[in-house]
C-alpha atoms as a PDB file:
ATOM      1  CA  UNK A   1       0.000   0.000   0.000  1.00  0.00           C
ATOM      2  CA  UNK A   2       1.595   3.264  -1.081  1.00  0.00           C
ATOM      3  CA  UNK A   3       0.917   6.273   1.082  1.00  0.00           C
ATOM      4  CA  UNK A   4      -0.094   9.402  -0.783  1.00  0.00           C
ATOM      5  CA  UNK A   5       1.401  12.528   0.781  1.00  0.00           C
ATOM      6  CA  UNK A   6      -0.275  15.903   0.503  1.00  0.00           C
ATOM      7  CA  UNK A   7       1.875  18.914   1.369  1.00  0.00           C
ATOM      8  CA  UNK A   8       0.046  21.047   3.955  1.00  0.00           C
ATOM      9  CA  UNK A   9       2.820  23.472   4.977  1.00  0.00           C
ATOM     10  CA  UNK A  10       6.126  24.170   3.264  1.00  0.00           C
ATOM     11  CA  UNK A  11       9.284  25.582   4.854  1.00  0.00           C
ATOM     12  CA  UNK A  12       8.273  29.224   4.385  1.00  0.00           C
ATOM     13  CA  UNK A  13       4.761  28.631   5.760  1.00  0.00           C
ATOM     14  CA  UNK A  14       6.130  26.783   8.804  1.00  0.00           C
ATOM     15  CA  UNK A  15       8.463  29.701   9.524  1.00  0.00           C
ATOM     16  CA  UNK A  16       5.576  32.165   9.156  1.00  0.00           C
ATOM     17  CA  UNK A  17       3.479  30.138  11.621  1.00  0.00           C
ATOM     18  CA  UNK A  18       6.324  29.985  14.149  1.00  0.00           C
ATOM     19  CA  UNK A  19       6.987  33.733  13.757  1.00  0.00           C
ATOM     20  CA  UNK A  20       3.303  34.519  14.332  1.00  0.00           C
ATOM     21  CA  UNK A  21       3.163  32.283  17.406  1.00  0.00           C
ATOM     22  CA  UNK A  22       6.261  34.012  18.817  1.00  0.00           C
ATOM     23  CA  UNK A  23       4.576  37.403  18.461  1.00  0.00           C
ATOM     24  CA  UNK A  24       1.421  36.055  20.135  1.00  0.00           C
ATOM     25  CA  UNK A  25       3.520  34.779  23.043  1.00  0.00           C
ATOM     26  CA  UNK A  26       5.192  38.192  23.264  1.00  0.00           C
ATOM     27  CA  UNK A  27       1.816  39.977  23.355  1.00  0.00           C
ATOM     28  CA  UNK A  28       0.489  37.609  26.033  1.00  0.00           C
ATOM     29  CA  UNK A  29       3.587  37.931  28.239  1.00  0.00           C
ATOM     30  CA  UNK A  30       4.947  41.405  27.545  1.00  0.00           C
ATOM     31  CA  UNK A  31       5.187  42.361  31.225  1.00  0.00           C
ATOM     32  CA  UNK A  32       7.042  39.202  32.317  1.00  0.00           C
ATOM     33  CA  UNK A  33      10.701  39.147  33.320  1.00  0.00           C
ATOM     34  CA  UNK A  34      11.219  35.549  32.178  1.00  0.00           C
ATOM     35  CA  UNK A  35       9.241  32.793  30.483  1.00  0.00           C
ATOM     36  CA  UNK A  36      10.051  29.101  30.280  1.00  0.00           C
ATOM     37  CA  UNK A  37       9.591  27.331  26.956  1.00  0.00           C
ATOM     38  CA  UNK A  38       9.189  23.576  27.480  1.00  0.00           C
ATOM     39  CA  UNK A  39       9.573  21.525  24.311  1.00  0.00           C
ATOM     40  CA  UNK A  40       8.382  17.935  24.136  1.00  0.00           C
ATOM     41  CA  UNK A  41      10.982  15.736  22.428  1.00  0.00           C
ATOM     42  CA  UNK A  42      11.720  15.440  19.622  1.00  0.00           C
ATOM     43  CA  UNK A  43       9.874  17.827  17.293  1.00  0.00           C
ATOM     44  CA  UNK A  44       8.180  19.921  19.952  1.00  0.00           C
ATOM     45  CA  UNK A  45      11.627  20.688  21.306  1.00  0.00           C
ATOM     46  CA  UNK A  46      12.840  21.814  17.863  1.00  0.00           C
ATOM     47  CA  UNK A  47       9.856  24.147  17.544  1.00  0.00           C
ATOM     48  CA  UNK A  48      10.530  25.422  21.080  1.00  0.00           C
ATOM     49  CA  UNK A  49      14.156  26.175  20.122  1.00  0.00           C
ATOM     50  CA  UNK A  50      12.971  28.157  17.109  1.00  0.00           C
ATOM     51  CA  UNK A  51      10.451  30.081  19.210  1.00  0.00           C
ATOM     52  CA  UNK A  52      13.136  30.900  21.772  1.00  0.00           C
ATOM     53  CA  UNK A  53      15.470  32.196  19.073  1.00  0.00           C
ATOM     54  CA  UNK A  54      12.776  34.570  17.758  1.00  0.00           C
ATOM     55  CA  UNK A  55      11.711  35.675  21.248  1.00  0.00           C
ATOM     56  CA  UNK A  56      15.335  36.385  22.170  1.00  0.00           C
ATOM     57  CA  UNK A  57      15.384  38.881  19.275  1.00  0.00           C
ATOM     58  CA  UNK A  58      11.998  40.578  19.786  1.00  0.00           C
ATOM     59  CA  UNK A  59      11.025  40.270  23.449  1.00  0.00           C
ATOM     60  CA  UNK A  60      12.075  42.388  26.441  1.00  0.00           C
ATOM     61  CA  UNK A  61      11.923  39.311  28.713  1.00  0.00           C
ATOM     62  CA  UNK A  62      14.372  36.445  29.039  1.00  0.00           C
ATOM     63  CA  UNK A  63      13.342  33.037  27.777  1.00  0.00           C
ATOM     64  CA  UNK A  64      14.736  29.722  28.935  1.00  0.00           C
ATOM     65  CA  UNK A  65      14.430  26.428  27.098  1.00  0.00           C
ATOM     66  CA  UNK A  66      13.337  23.305  28.973  1.00  0.00           C
ATOM     67  CA  UNK A  67      13.275  19.799  27.494  1.00  0.00           C
ATOM     68  CA  UNK A  68      10.679  17.141  28.254  1.00  0.00           C
ATOM     69  CA  UNK A  69      10.987  13.528  27.124  1.00  0.00           C
ATOM     70  CA  UNK A  70       7.827  11.461  27.471  1.00  0.00           C
ATOM     71  CA  UNK A  71       7.130   7.745  27.194  1.00  0.00           C
ATOM     72  CA  UNK A  72       4.042   8.117  25.007  1.00  0.00           C
ATOM     73  CA  UNK A  73       3.318   4.370  25.020  1.00  0.00           C
ATOM     74  CA  UNK A  74       3.006   4.193  28.802  1.00  0.00           C
ATOM     75  CA  UNK A  75      -0.389   4.354  30.488  1.00  0.00           C
ATOM     76  CA  UNK A  76       1.182   6.417  33.290  1.00  0.00           C
ATOM     77  CA  UNK A  77       3.305   9.541  33.225  1.00  0.00           C
ATOM     78  CA  UNK A  78       6.970   8.726  32.649  1.00  0.00           C
ATOM     79  CA  UNK A  79       8.948  11.863  31.891  1.00  0.00           C
ATOM     80  CA  UNK A  80      12.617  12.778  31.647  1.00  0.00           C
ATOM     81  CA  UNK A  81      13.291  16.465  32.203  1.00  0.00           C
ATOM     82  CA  UNK A  82      16.484  18.537  32.086  1.00  0.00           C
ATOM     83  CA  UNK A  83      15.420  20.988  34.798  1.00  0.00           C
ATOM     84  CA  UNK A  84      14.270  21.147  38.396  1.00  0.00           C
ATOM     85  CA  UNK A  85      10.515  21.476  38.197  1.00  0.00           C
ATOM     86  CA  UNK A  86      10.545  23.626  41.349  1.00  0.00           C
ATOM     87  CA  UNK A  87      12.432  26.303  39.373  1.00  0.00           C
ATOM     88  CA  UNK A  88       9.162  26.787  37.452  1.00  0.00           C
ATOM     89  CA  UNK A  89       7.269  27.973  40.526  1.00  0.00           C
ATOM     90  CA  UNK A  90       5.350  31.224  39.881  1.00  0.00           C
ATOM     91  CA  UNK A  91       6.640  31.420  36.294  1.00  0.00           C
ATOM     92  CA  UNK A  92       5.020  31.364  32.879  1.00  0.00           C
ATOM     93  CA  UNK A  93       5.516  28.034  31.110  1.00  0.00           C
ATOM     94  CA  UNK A  94       4.881  27.574  27.395  1.00  0.00           C
ATOM     95  CA  UNK A  95       4.447  23.860  26.578  1.00  0.00           C
ATOM     96  CA  UNK A  96       5.328  23.089  22.937  1.00  0.00           C
ATOM     97  CA  UNK A  97       4.631  20.086  20.693  1.00  0.00           C
ATOM     98  CA  UNK A  98       4.390  19.583  16.956  1.00  0.00           C
ATOM     99  CA  UNK A  99       0.899  18.075  16.496  1.00  0.00           C
ATOM    100  CA  UNK A 100      -2.131  17.938  18.780  1.00  0.00           C
ATOM    101  CA  UNK A 101      -4.042  14.798  17.922  1.00  0.00           C
ATOM    102  CA  UNK A 102      -5.667  12.992  20.844  1.00  0.00           C
ATOM    103  CA  UNK A 103      -4.258  15.342  23.495  1.00  0.00           C
ATOM    104  CA  UNK A 104      -2.453  12.572  25.405  1.00  0.00           C
ATOM    105  CA  UNK A 105       1.047  13.991  24.857  1.00  0.00           C
ATOM    106  CA  UNK A 106       0.082  17.477  26.034  1.00  0.00           C
ATOM    107  CA  UNK A 107      -1.831  15.985  28.973  1.00  0.00           C
ATOM    108  CA  UNK A 108       1.330  14.119  29.982  1.00  0.00           C
ATOM    109  CA  UNK A 109       3.275  17.352  29.475  1.00  0.00           C
ATOM    110  CA  UNK A 110       0.895  19.085  31.895  1.00  0.00           C
ATOM    111  CA  UNK A 111       1.557  16.290  34.368  1.00  0.00           C
ATOM    112  CA  UNK A 112       5.197  17.306  34.695  1.00  0.00           C
ATOM    113  CA  UNK A 113       4.049  20.587  36.282  1.00  0.00           C
ATOM    114  CA  UNK A 114       1.046  19.290  38.270  1.00  0.00           C
ATOM    115  CA  UNK A 115       2.673  19.659  41.701  1.00  0.00           C
ATOM    116  CA  UNK A 116       4.085  23.144  41.098  1.00  0.00           C
ATOM    117  CA  UNK A 117       2.162  26.397  41.315  1.00  0.00           C
ATOM    118  CA  UNK A 118       2.692  28.137  37.980  1.00  0.00           C
ATOM    119  CA  UNK A 119       1.829  31.707  37.125  1.00  0.00           C
ATOM    120  CA  UNK A 120       0.484  30.589  33.779  1.00  0.00           C
ATOM    121  CA  UNK A 121       0.691  27.518  31.526  1.00  0.00           C
ATOM    122  CA  UNK A 122       0.103  27.934  27.788  1.00  0.00           C
ATOM    123  CA  UNK A 123       0.255  25.413  24.958  1.00  0.00           C
ATOM    124  CA  UNK A 124       1.724  25.685  21.465  1.00  0.00           C
ATOM    125  CA  UNK A 125       1.339  23.262  18.564  1.00  0.00           C
ATOM    126  CA  UNK A 126       2.241  23.656  14.939  1.00  0.00           C
ATOM    127  CA  UNK A 127      -0.827  21.635  13.833  1.00  0.00           C
ATOM    128  CA  UNK A 128      -4.066  21.096  15.799  1.00  0.00           C
ATOM    129  CA  UNK A 129      -5.918  18.104  14.307  1.00  0.00           C
ATOM    130  CA  UNK A 130      -9.179  18.486  16.235  1.00  0.00           C
ATOM    131  CA  UNK A 131      -9.364  14.790  17.296  1.00  0.00           C
ATOM    132  CA  UNK A 132      -9.106  15.122  21.040  1.00  0.00           C
ATOM    133  CA  UNK A 133      -9.726  12.271  23.472  1.00  0.00           C
ATOM    134  CA  UNK A 134      -8.569  14.500  26.338  1.00  0.00           C
ATOM    135  CA  UNK A 135     -10.070  17.923  27.143  1.00  0.00           C
ATOM    136  CA  UNK A 136      -7.019  19.754  25.814  1.00  0.00           C
ATOM    137  CA  UNK A 137      -7.059  22.985  23.869  1.00  0.00           C
ATOM    138  CA  UNK A 138      -4.196  24.950  22.410  1.00  0.00           C
ATOM    139  CA  UNK A 139      -3.483  28.558  23.180  1.00  0.00           C
ATOM    140  CA  UNK A 140      -1.356  29.049  20.079  1.00  0.00           C
ATOM    141  CA  UNK A 141      -1.670  26.881  16.970  1.00  0.00           C
ATOM    142  CA  UNK A 142      -0.016  27.382  13.625  1.00  0.00           C
ATOM    143  CA  UNK A 143      -2.766  25.562  11.737  1.00  0.00           C
ATOM    144  CA  UNK A 144      -6.089  23.996  12.754  1.00  0.00           C
ATOM    145  CA  UNK A 145      -6.721  21.032  10.473  1.00  0.00           C
ATOM    146  CA  UNK A 146      -9.847  18.890  10.289  1.00  0.00           C
ATOM    147  CA  UNK A 147      -8.960  15.388   9.146  1.00  0.00           C
ATOM    148  CA  UNK A 148     -10.443  11.925   9.238  1.00  0.00           C
ATOM    149  CA  UNK A 149      -9.120   9.636  11.955  1.00  0.00           C
ATOM    150  CA  UNK A 150      -7.245   7.300   9.596  1.00  0.00           C
ATOM    151  CA  UNK A 151      -5.233  10.180   8.136  1.00  0.00           C
ATOM    152  CA  UNK A 152      -1.911  11.047   9.716  1.00  0.00           C
ATOM    153  CA  UNK A 153      -0.067  14.362   9.948  1.00  0.00           C
ATOM    154  CA  UNK A 154       3.688  14.035   9.444  1.00  0.00           C
ATOM    155  CA  UNK A 155       5.864  16.940  10.531  1.00  0.00           C
ATOM    156  CA  UNK A 156       9.367  16.994   9.073  1.00  0.00           C
ATOM    157  CA  UNK A 157      11.817  19.465  10.554  1.00  0.00           C
ATOM    158  CA  UNK A 158      15.281  20.121   9.194  1.00  0.00           C
ATOM    159  CA  UNK A 159      16.830  19.260  12.592  1.00  0.00           C
ATOM    160  CA  UNK A 160      15.691  15.608  12.186  1.00  0.00           C
ATOM    161  CA  UNK A 161      14.727  15.240   8.557  1.00  0.00           C
ATOM    162  CA  UNK A 162      15.736  16.448   5.109  1.00  0.00           C
ATOM    163  CA  UNK A 163      13.290  19.348   5.020  1.00  0.00           C
ATOM    164  CA  UNK A 164      10.795  21.536   6.829  1.00  0.00           C
ATOM    165  CA  UNK A 165       7.355  20.347   5.739  1.00  0.00           C
ATOM    166  CA  UNK A 166       4.005  19.165   7.050  1.00  0.00           C
ATOM    167  CA  UNK A 167       2.252  16.395   5.143  1.00  0.00           C
ATOM    168  CA  UNK A 168      -1.171  14.807   5.368  1.00  0.00           C
ATOM    169  CA  UNK A 169      -0.726  11.094   4.794  1.00  0.00           C
END
């Protein structure tokens, strides 16, 4: 069975979406001294790195990158983090992933911060598929895409793959 790929976003469109999201984050957090950008490995972390780079150029606040590795096959939260979660207390955290499908990954991402009082927690995805099993919404989405359940969204980023592109497969 050959999979037919339909290009949804090209490199320029992905960059435009990330730029727009960075400006939305700036507008929402203009009066902050520091925000924490937590990227979910692997592609969410690449998007988070790109957002941080843009925010470092345009924002008056400092931004710090955090990395979250999740075992997405587990029925319980198993996360590897590169930071002390208590350092997030009373701070703004921006949780970043590439695609929101069922909401499980973002729900697990929330779980990392469940025992810490945050000032604000916001979510970023490049593509929101609108197929949620969990009551998860995104605060900043590059593209909202209605698909059928058997379709898949593939995000290719230059850090892992040969190109920046989003495909519907």
